[in-house]
PDB file of N, CA and C in Angstrom:
ATOM      1  N   MET A   1      71.319 -19.579  41.084  1.00  0.00           N
ATOM      2  CA  MET A   1      71.349 -20.971  41.489  1.00  0.00           C
ATOM      3  C   MET A   1      70.386 -21.234  42.640  1.00  0.00           C
ATOM      4  N   SER A   2      70.206 -20.243  43.439  1.00  0.00           N
ATOM      5  CA  SER A   2      69.321 -20.447  44.591  1.00  0.00           C
ATOM      6  C   SER A   2      67.849 -20.562  44.178  1.00  0.00           C
ATOM      7  N   VAL A   3      67.507 -20.086  42.979  1.00  0.00           N
ATOM      8  CA  VAL A   3      66.124 -20.187  42.502  1.00  0.00           C
ATOM      9  C   VAL A   3      65.737 -21.637  42.239  1.00  0.00           C
ATOM     10  N   LEU A   4      66.701 -22.483  41.983  1.00  0.00           N
ATOM     11  CA  LEU A   4      66.414 -23.904  41.759  1.00  0.00           C
ATOM     12  C   LEU A   4      65.874 -24.571  43.022  1.00  0.00           C
ATOM     13  N   TYR A   5      66.246 -24.073  44.174  1.00  0.00           N
ATOM     14  CA  TYR A   5      65.747 -24.654  45.422  1.00  0.00           C
ATOM     15  C   TYR A   5      64.237 -24.410  45.584  1.00  0.00           C
ATOM     16  N   ILE A   6      63.745 -23.395  44.912  1.00  0.00           N
ATOM     17  CA  ILE A   6      62.303 -23.103  44.958  1.00  0.00           C
ATOM     18  C   ILE A   6      61.596 -23.653  43.719  1.00  0.00           C
ATOM     19  N   ALA A   7      62.185 -23.490  42.568  1.00  0.00           N
ATOM     20  CA  ALA A   7      61.533 -23.879  41.313  1.00  0.00           C
ATOM     21  C   ALA A   7      61.417 -25.395  41.165  1.00  0.00           C
ATOM     22  N   LEU A   8      62.413 -26.113  41.603  1.00  0.00           N
ATOM     23  CA  LEU A   8      62.381 -27.570  41.443  1.00  0.00           C
ATOM     24  C   LEU A   8      61.283 -28.216  42.297  1.00  0.00           C
ATOM     25  N   PRO A   9      61.132 -27.897  43.571  1.00  0.00           N
ATOM     26  CA  PRO A   9      60.015 -28.479  44.326  1.00  0.00           C
ATOM     27  C   PRO A   9      58.650 -28.044  43.796  1.00  0.00           C
ATOM     28  N   VAL A  10      58.531 -26.801  43.332  1.00  0.00           N
ATOM     29  CA  VAL A  10      57.260 -26.346  42.771  1.00  0.00           C
ATOM     30  C   VAL A  10      56.939 -27.141  41.504  1.00  0.00           C
ATOM     31  N   ALA A  11      57.912 -27.385  40.652  1.00  0.00           N
ATOM     32  CA  ALA A  11      57.699 -28.162  39.431  1.00  0.00           C
ATOM     33  C   ALA A  11      57.308 -29.602  39.759  1.00  0.00           C
ATOM     34  N   ILE A  12      57.944 -30.164  40.756  1.00  0.00           N
ATOM     35  CA  ILE A  12      57.607 -31.533  41.153  1.00  0.00           C
ATOM     36  C   ILE A  12      56.189 -31.584  41.716  1.00  0.00           C
ATOM     37  N   LEU A  13      55.806 -30.603  42.501  1.00  0.00           N
ATOM     38  CA  LEU A  13      54.449 -30.562  43.053  1.00  0.00           C
ATOM     39  C   LEU A  13      53.408 -30.390  41.948  1.00  0.00           C
ATOM     40  N   LEU A  14      53.680 -29.544  40.974  1.00  0.00           N
ATOM     41  CA  LEU A  14      52.741 -29.362  39.861  1.00  0.00           C
ATOM     42  C   LEU A  14      52.612 -30.637  39.024  1.00  0.00           C
ATOM     43  N   ALA A  15      53.731 -31.305  38.786  1.00  0.00           N
ATOM     44  CA  ALA A  15      53.678 -32.558  38.035  1.00  0.00           C
ATOM     45  C   ALA A  15      52.917 -33.623  38.815  1.00  0.00           C
ATOM     46  N   LEU A  16      53.138 -33.688  40.104  1.00  0.00           N
ATOM     47  CA  LEU A  16      52.422 -34.649  40.939  1.00  0.00           C
ATOM     48  C   LEU A  16      50.928 -34.350  40.953  1.00  0.00           C
ATOM     49  N   ALA A  17      50.566 -33.074  41.027  1.00  0.00           N
ATOM     50  CA  ALA A  17      49.145 -32.695  40.992  1.00  0.00           C
ATOM     51  C   ALA A  17      48.506 -33.061  39.657  1.00  0.00           C
ATOM     52  N   ALA A  18      49.248 -32.889  38.569  1.00  0.00           N
ATOM     53  CA  ALA A  18      48.713 -33.242  37.247  1.00  0.00           C
ATOM     54  C   ALA A  18      48.509 -34.750  37.133  1.00  0.00           C
ATOM     55  N   VAL A  19      49.433 -35.528  37.640  1.00  0.00           N
ATOM     56  CA  VAL A  19      49.292 -36.995  37.586  1.00  0.00           C
ATOM     57  C   VAL A  19      48.112 -37.436  38.440  1.00  0.00           C
ATOM     58  N   ILE A  20      47.960 -36.860  39.615  1.00  0.00           N
ATOM     59  CA  ILE A  20      46.833 -37.221  40.493  1.00  0.00           C
ATOM     60  C   ILE A  20      45.507 -36.830  39.830  1.00  0.00           C
ATOM     61  N   ALA A  21      45.446 -35.666  39.207  1.00  0.00           N
ATOM     62  CA  ALA A  21      44.222 -35.240  38.535  1.00  0.00           C
ATOM     63  C   ALA A  21      43.891 -36.156  37.367  1.00  0.00           C
ATOM     64  N   PHE A  22      44.901 -36.573  36.626  1.00  0.00           N
ATOM     65  CA  PHE A  22      44.667 -37.477  35.494  1.00  0.00           C
ATOM     66  C   PHE A  22      44.154 -38.824  35.980  1.00  0.00           C
ATOM     67  N   VAL A  23      44.773 -39.376  37.010  1.00  0.00           N
ATOM     68  CA  VAL A  23      44.327 -40.672  37.538  1.00  0.00           C
ATOM     69  C   VAL A  23      42.906 -40.553  38.088  1.00  0.00           C
ATOM     70  N   TRP A  24      42.592 -39.455  38.735  1.00  0.00           N
ATOM     71  CA  TRP A  24      41.252 -39.262  39.293  1.00  0.00           C
ATOM     72  C   TRP A  24      40.200 -39.181  38.185  1.00  0.00           C
ATOM     73  N   THR A  25      40.499 -38.443  37.096  1.00  0.00           N
ATOM     74  CA  THR A  25      39.520 -38.333  36.012  1.00  0.00           C
ATOM     75  C   THR A  25      39.341 -39.654  35.278  1.00  0.00           C
ATOM     76  N   VAL A  26      40.403 -40.414  35.118  1.00  0.00           N
ATOM     77  CA  VAL A  26      40.272 -41.729  34.470  1.00  0.00           C
ATOM     78  C   VAL A  26      39.445 -42.663  35.339  1.00  0.00           C
ATOM     79  N   SER A  27      39.647 -42.618  36.645  1.00  0.00           N
ATOM     80  CA  SER A  27      38.881 -43.502  37.532  1.00  0.00           C
ATOM     81  C   SER A  27      37.414 -43.100  37.588  1.00  0.00           C
ATOM     82  N   ARG A  28      37.072 -41.828  37.313  1.00  0.00           N
ATOM     83  CA  ARG A  28      35.682 -41.370  37.307  1.00  0.00           C
ATOM     84  C   ARG A  28      34.992 -41.570  35.958  1.00  0.00           C
ATOM     85  N   GLY A  29      35.735 -42.028  34.960  1.00  0.00           N
ATOM     86  CA  GLY A  29      35.122 -42.321  33.671  1.00  0.00           C
ATOM     87  C   GLY A  29      34.996 -41.123  32.750  1.00  0.00           C
ATOM     88  N   GLN A  30      35.819 -40.119  32.916  1.00  0.00           N
ATOM     89  CA  GLN A  30      35.733 -38.933  32.069  1.00  0.00           C
ATOM     90  C   GLN A  30      36.105 -39.221  30.618  1.00  0.00           C
ATOM     91  N   TYR A  31      36.905 -40.233  30.367  1.00  0.00           N
ATOM     92  CA  TYR A  31      37.364 -40.517  29.002  1.00  0.00           C
ATOM     93  C   TYR A  31      36.724 -41.762  28.420  1.00  0.00           C
ATOM     94  N   ASP A  32      35.654 -42.244  29.031  1.00  0.00           N
ATOM     95  CA  ASP A  32      35.014 -43.458  28.534  1.00  0.00           C
ATOM     96  C   ASP A  32      34.308 -43.226  27.203  1.00  0.00           C
ATOM     97  N   ASP A  33      33.532 -42.165  27.089  1.00  0.00           N
ATOM     98  CA  ASP A  33      32.775 -41.901  25.869  1.00  0.00           C
ATOM     99  C   ASP A  33      33.116 -40.500  25.384  1.00  0.00           C
ATOM    100  N   LEU A  34      33.940 -40.428  24.367  1.00  0.00           N
ATOM    101  CA  LEU A  34      34.381 -39.126  23.863  1.00  0.00           C
ATOM    102  C   LEU A  34      33.550 -38.643  22.684  1.00  0.00           C
ATOM    103  N   ASP A  35      32.768 -39.511  22.053  1.00  0.00           N
ATOM    104  CA  ASP A  35      32.022 -39.131  20.852  1.00  0.00           C
ATOM    105  C   ASP A  35      30.629 -38.590  21.151  1.00  0.00           C
ATOM    106  N   THR A  36      29.910 -39.203  22.057  1.00  0.00           N
ATOM    107  CA  THR A  36      28.511 -38.833  22.291  1.00  0.00           C
ATOM    108  C   THR A  36      28.329 -37.398  22.787  1.00  0.00           C
ATOM    109  N   PRO A  37      29.101 -36.901  23.740  1.00  0.00           N
ATOM    110  CA  PRO A  37      28.881 -35.512  24.171  1.00  0.00           C
ATOM    111  C   PRO A  37      29.086 -34.489  23.045  1.00  0.00           C
ATOM    112  N   ALA A  38      29.962 -34.770  22.122  1.00  0.00           N
ATOM    113  CA  ALA A  38      30.168 -33.836  21.016  1.00  0.00           C
ATOM    114  C   ALA A  38      28.974 -33.828  20.070  1.00  0.00           C
ATOM    115  N   LEU A  39      28.281 -34.950  19.930  1.00  0.00           N
ATOM    116  CA  LEU A  39      27.134 -35.021  19.030  1.00  0.00           C
ATOM    117  C   LEU A  39      25.842 -34.615  19.720  1.00  0.00           C
ATOM    118  N   ARG A  40      25.806 -34.647  21.050  1.00  0.00           N
ATOM    119  CA  ARG A  40      24.574 -34.339  21.785  1.00  0.00           C
ATOM    120  C   ARG A  40      24.142 -32.899  21.564  1.00  0.00           C
ATOM    121  N   MET A  41      25.070 -31.995  21.355  1.00  0.00           N
ATOM    122  CA  MET A  41      24.695 -30.592  21.168  1.00  0.00           C
ATOM    123  C   MET A  41      24.019 -30.360  19.826  1.00  0.00           C
ATOM    124  N   LEU A  42      24.159 -31.293  18.893  1.00  0.00           N
ATOM    125  CA  LEU A  42      23.542 -31.143  17.584  1.00  0.00           C
ATOM    126  C   LEU A  42      22.083 -31.581  17.584  1.00  0.00           C
ATOM    127  N   GLU A  43      21.676 -32.344  18.577  1.00  0.00           N
ATOM    128  CA  GLU A  43      20.298 -32.810  18.632  1.00  0.00           C
ATOM    129  C   GLU A  43      19.416 -31.734  19.239  1.00  0.00           C
ATOM    130  N   ASP A  44      18.159 -31.720  18.826  1.00  0.00           N
ATOM    131  CA  ASP A  44      17.200 -30.790  19.396  1.00  0.00           C
ATOM    132  C   ASP A  44      16.814 -31.249  20.784  1.00  0.00           C
ATOM    133  N   ASP A  45      16.490 -30.282  21.630  1.00  0.00           N
ATOM    134  CA  ASP A  45      16.058 -30.638  22.977  1.00  0.00           C
ATOM    135  C   ASP A  45      14.706 -31.320  22.952  1.00  0.00           C
ATOM    136  N   GLU A  46      13.823 -30.815  22.143  1.00  0.00           N
ATOM    137  CA  GLU A  46      12.499 -31.407  22.042  1.00  0.00           C
ATOM    138  C   GLU A  46      12.352 -32.033  20.667  1.00  0.00           C
ATOM    139  N   ARG A  47      11.737 -33.162  20.661  1.00  0.00           N
ATOM    140  CA  ARG A  47      11.466 -33.808  19.378  1.00  0.00           C
ATOM    141  C   ARG A  47      10.393 -33.003  18.659  1.00  0.00           C
ATOM    142  N   ARG A  48      10.583 -32.871  17.378  1.00  0.00           N
ATOM    143  CA  ARG A  48       9.593 -32.112  16.613  1.00  0.00           C
ATOM    144  C   ARG A  48       8.306 -32.909  16.522  1.00  0.00           C
ATOM    145  N   ARG A  49       7.273 -32.241  16.851  1.00  0.00           N
ATOM    146  CA  ARG A  49       5.951 -32.849  16.759  1.00  0.00           C
ATOM    147  C   ARG A  49       5.267 -32.306  15.519  1.00  0.00           C
ATOM    148  N   PRO A  50       4.457 -33.110  14.902  1.00  0.00           N
ATOM    149  CA  PRO A  50       3.711 -32.564  13.754  1.00  0.00           C
ATOM    150  C   PRO A  50       2.720 -31.522  14.249  1.00  0.00           C
ATOM    151  N   ARG A  51       2.610 -30.479  13.497  1.00  0.00           N
ATOM    152  CA  ARG A  51       1.685 -29.413  13.886  1.00  0.00           C
ATOM    153  C   ARG A  51       0.258 -29.921  13.812  1.00  0.00           C
ATOM    154  N   HIS A  52      -0.520 -29.433  14.734  1.00  0.00           N
ATOM    155  CA  HIS A  52      -1.921 -29.826  14.748  1.00  0.00           C
ATOM    156  C   HIS A  52      -2.641 -29.110  13.624  1.00  0.00           C
ATOM    157  N   ARG A  53      -3.294 -29.863  12.814  1.00  0.00           N
ATOM    158  CA  ARG A  53      -4.054 -29.267  11.726  1.00  0.00           C
ATOM    159  C   ARG A  53      -5.491 -29.788  11.852  1.00  0.00           C
ATOM    160  N   PRO A  54      -6.422 -28.989  11.461  1.00  0.00           N
ATOM    161  CA  PRO A  54      -7.803 -29.450  11.563  1.00  0.00           C
ATOM    162  C   PRO A  54      -8.047 -30.631  10.635  1.00  0.00           C
ATOM    163  N   ALA A  55      -8.864 -31.538  11.112  1.00  0.00           N
ATOM    164  CA  ALA A  55      -9.153 -32.730  10.322  1.00  0.00           C
ATOM    165  C   ALA A  55     -10.077 -32.390   9.164  1.00  0.00           C
ATOM    166  N   THR A  56      -9.843 -33.021   8.055  1.00  0.00           N
ATOM    167  CA  THR A  56     -10.723 -32.825   6.903  1.00  0.00           C
ATOM    168  C   THR A  56     -11.994 -33.646   7.112  1.00  0.00           C
ATOM    169  N   LYS A  57     -12.969 -33.428   6.244  1.00  0.00           N
ATOM    170  CA  LYS A  57     -14.233 -34.148   6.373  1.00  0.00           C
ATOM    171  C   LYS A  57     -14.027 -35.650   6.225  1.00  0.00           C
ATOM    172  N   ASN A  58     -13.182 -36.033   5.308  1.00  0.00           N
ATOM    173  CA  ASN A  58     -12.922 -37.453   5.087  1.00  0.00           C
ATOM    174  C   ASN A  58     -12.301 -38.084   6.328  1.00  0.00           C
ATOM    175  N   GLU A  59     -11.335 -37.396   6.958  1.00  0.00           N
ATOM    176  CA  GLU A  59     -10.706 -37.931   8.172  1.00  0.00           C
ATOM    177  C   GLU A  59     -11.706 -37.997   9.315  1.00  0.00           C
ATOM    178  N   THR A  60     -12.573 -36.982   9.414  1.00  0.00           N
ATOM    179  CA  THR A  60     -13.579 -36.974  10.469  1.00  0.00           C
ATOM    180  C   THR A  60     -14.543 -38.135  10.309  1.00  0.00           C
ATOM    181  N   SER A  61     -14.985 -38.396   9.086  1.00  0.00           N
ATOM    182  CA  SER A  61     -15.917 -39.512   8.881  1.00  0.00           C
ATOM    183  C   SER A  61     -15.234 -40.844   9.135  1.00  0.00           C
ATOM    184  N   LEU A  62     -13.972 -40.966   8.778  1.00  0.00           N
ATOM    185  CA  LEU A  62     -13.253 -42.207   9.048  1.00  0.00           C
ATOM    186  C   LEU A  62     -13.114 -42.438  10.550  1.00  0.00           C
ATOM    187  N   ARG A  63     -12.861 -41.347  11.301  1.00  0.00           N
ATOM    188  CA  ARG A  63     -12.752 -41.491  12.751  1.00  0.00           C
ATOM    189  C   ARG A  63     -14.089 -41.894  13.361  1.00  0.00           C
ATOM    190  N   GLU A  64     -15.168 -41.294  12.854  1.00  0.00           N
ATOM    191  CA  GLU A  64     -16.493 -41.641  13.382  1.00  0.00           C
ATOM    192  C   GLU A  64     -16.819 -43.097  13.076  1.00  0.00           C
ATOM    193  N   GLU A  65     -16.444 -43.552  11.906  1.00  0.00           N
ATOM    194  CA  GLU A  65     -16.678 -44.953  11.572  1.00  0.00           C
ATOM    195  C   GLU A  65     -15.848 -45.877  12.447  1.00  0.00           C
ATOM    196  N   ALA A  66     -14.647 -45.461  12.752  1.00  0.00           N
ATOM    197  CA  ALA A  66     -13.805 -46.294  13.605  1.00  0.00           C
ATOM    198  C   ALA A  66     -14.328 -46.315  15.038  1.00  0.00           C
ATOM    199  N   ASP A  67     -14.866 -45.172  15.495  1.00  0.00           N
ATOM    200  CA  ASP A  67     -15.391 -45.121  16.863  1.00  0.00           C
ATOM    201  C   ASP A  67     -16.704 -45.869  16.994  1.00  0.00           C
ATOM    202  N   HIS A  68     -17.577 -45.759  15.984  1.00  0.00           N
ATOM    203  CA  HIS A  68     -18.895 -46.392  16.035  1.00  0.00           C
ATOM    204  C   HIS A  68     -19.110 -47.215  14.765  1.00  0.00           C
ATOM    205  N   PRO A  69     -18.538 -48.369  14.669  1.00  0.00           N
ATOM    206  CA  PRO A  69     -18.643 -49.133  13.425  1.00  0.00           C
ATOM    207  C   PRO A  69     -20.071 -49.626  13.155  1.00  0.00           C
ATOM    208  N   ASP A  70     -20.854 -49.883  14.161  1.00  0.00           N
ATOM    209  CA  ASP A  70     -22.218 -50.390  13.946  1.00  0.00           C
ATOM    210  C   ASP A  70     -23.139 -49.299  13.432  1.00  0.00           C
ATOM    211  N   ASP A  71     -22.951 -48.051  13.874  1.00  0.00           N
ATOM    212  CA  ASP A  71     -23.802 -46.946  13.451  1.00  0.00           C
ATOM    213  C   ASP A  71     -23.666 -46.659  11.957  1.00  0.00           C
ATOM    214  N   SER A  72     -22.483 -46.756  11.427  1.00  0.00           N
ATOM    215  CA  SER A  72     -22.284 -46.436  10.021  1.00  0.00           C
ATOM    216  C   SER A  72     -22.889 -47.507   9.118  1.00  0.00           C
ATOM    217  N   ARG A  73     -22.973 -48.734   9.564  1.00  0.00           N
ATOM    218  CA  ARG A  73     -23.556 -49.805   8.740  1.00  0.00           C
ATOM    219  C   ARG A  73     -25.083 -49.714   8.702  1.00  0.00           C
ATOM    220  N   GLN A  74     -25.685 -49.191   9.757  1.00  0.00           N
ATOM    221  CA  GLN A  74     -27.129 -49.134   9.814  1.00  0.00           C
ATOM    222  C   GLN A  74     -27.694 -48.071   8.897  1.00  0.00           C
ATOM    223  N   GLN A  75     -26.912 -47.062   8.559  1.00  0.00           N
ATOM    224  CA  GLN A  75     -27.439 -45.987   7.724  1.00  0.00           C
ATOM    225  C   GLN A  75     -27.547 -46.414   6.349  1.00  0.00           C
TER     226      GLN A  75
END
């Protein structure tokens, strides 16, 4: 019976600490967005970039025409 004098205040203190922790986390916004953090780990850190490939002759001539439109008409 004497253990209740120790166990009951400890239980009340633990319950009070849990309530204070819950109120603190709610006030800090811990439960505002529950979906996004779970999906964030599925995204890549870096966006995939297309690999650099050498330009073909057709692409090179198109770029030259775009850079110097007057030169290509004179030829």
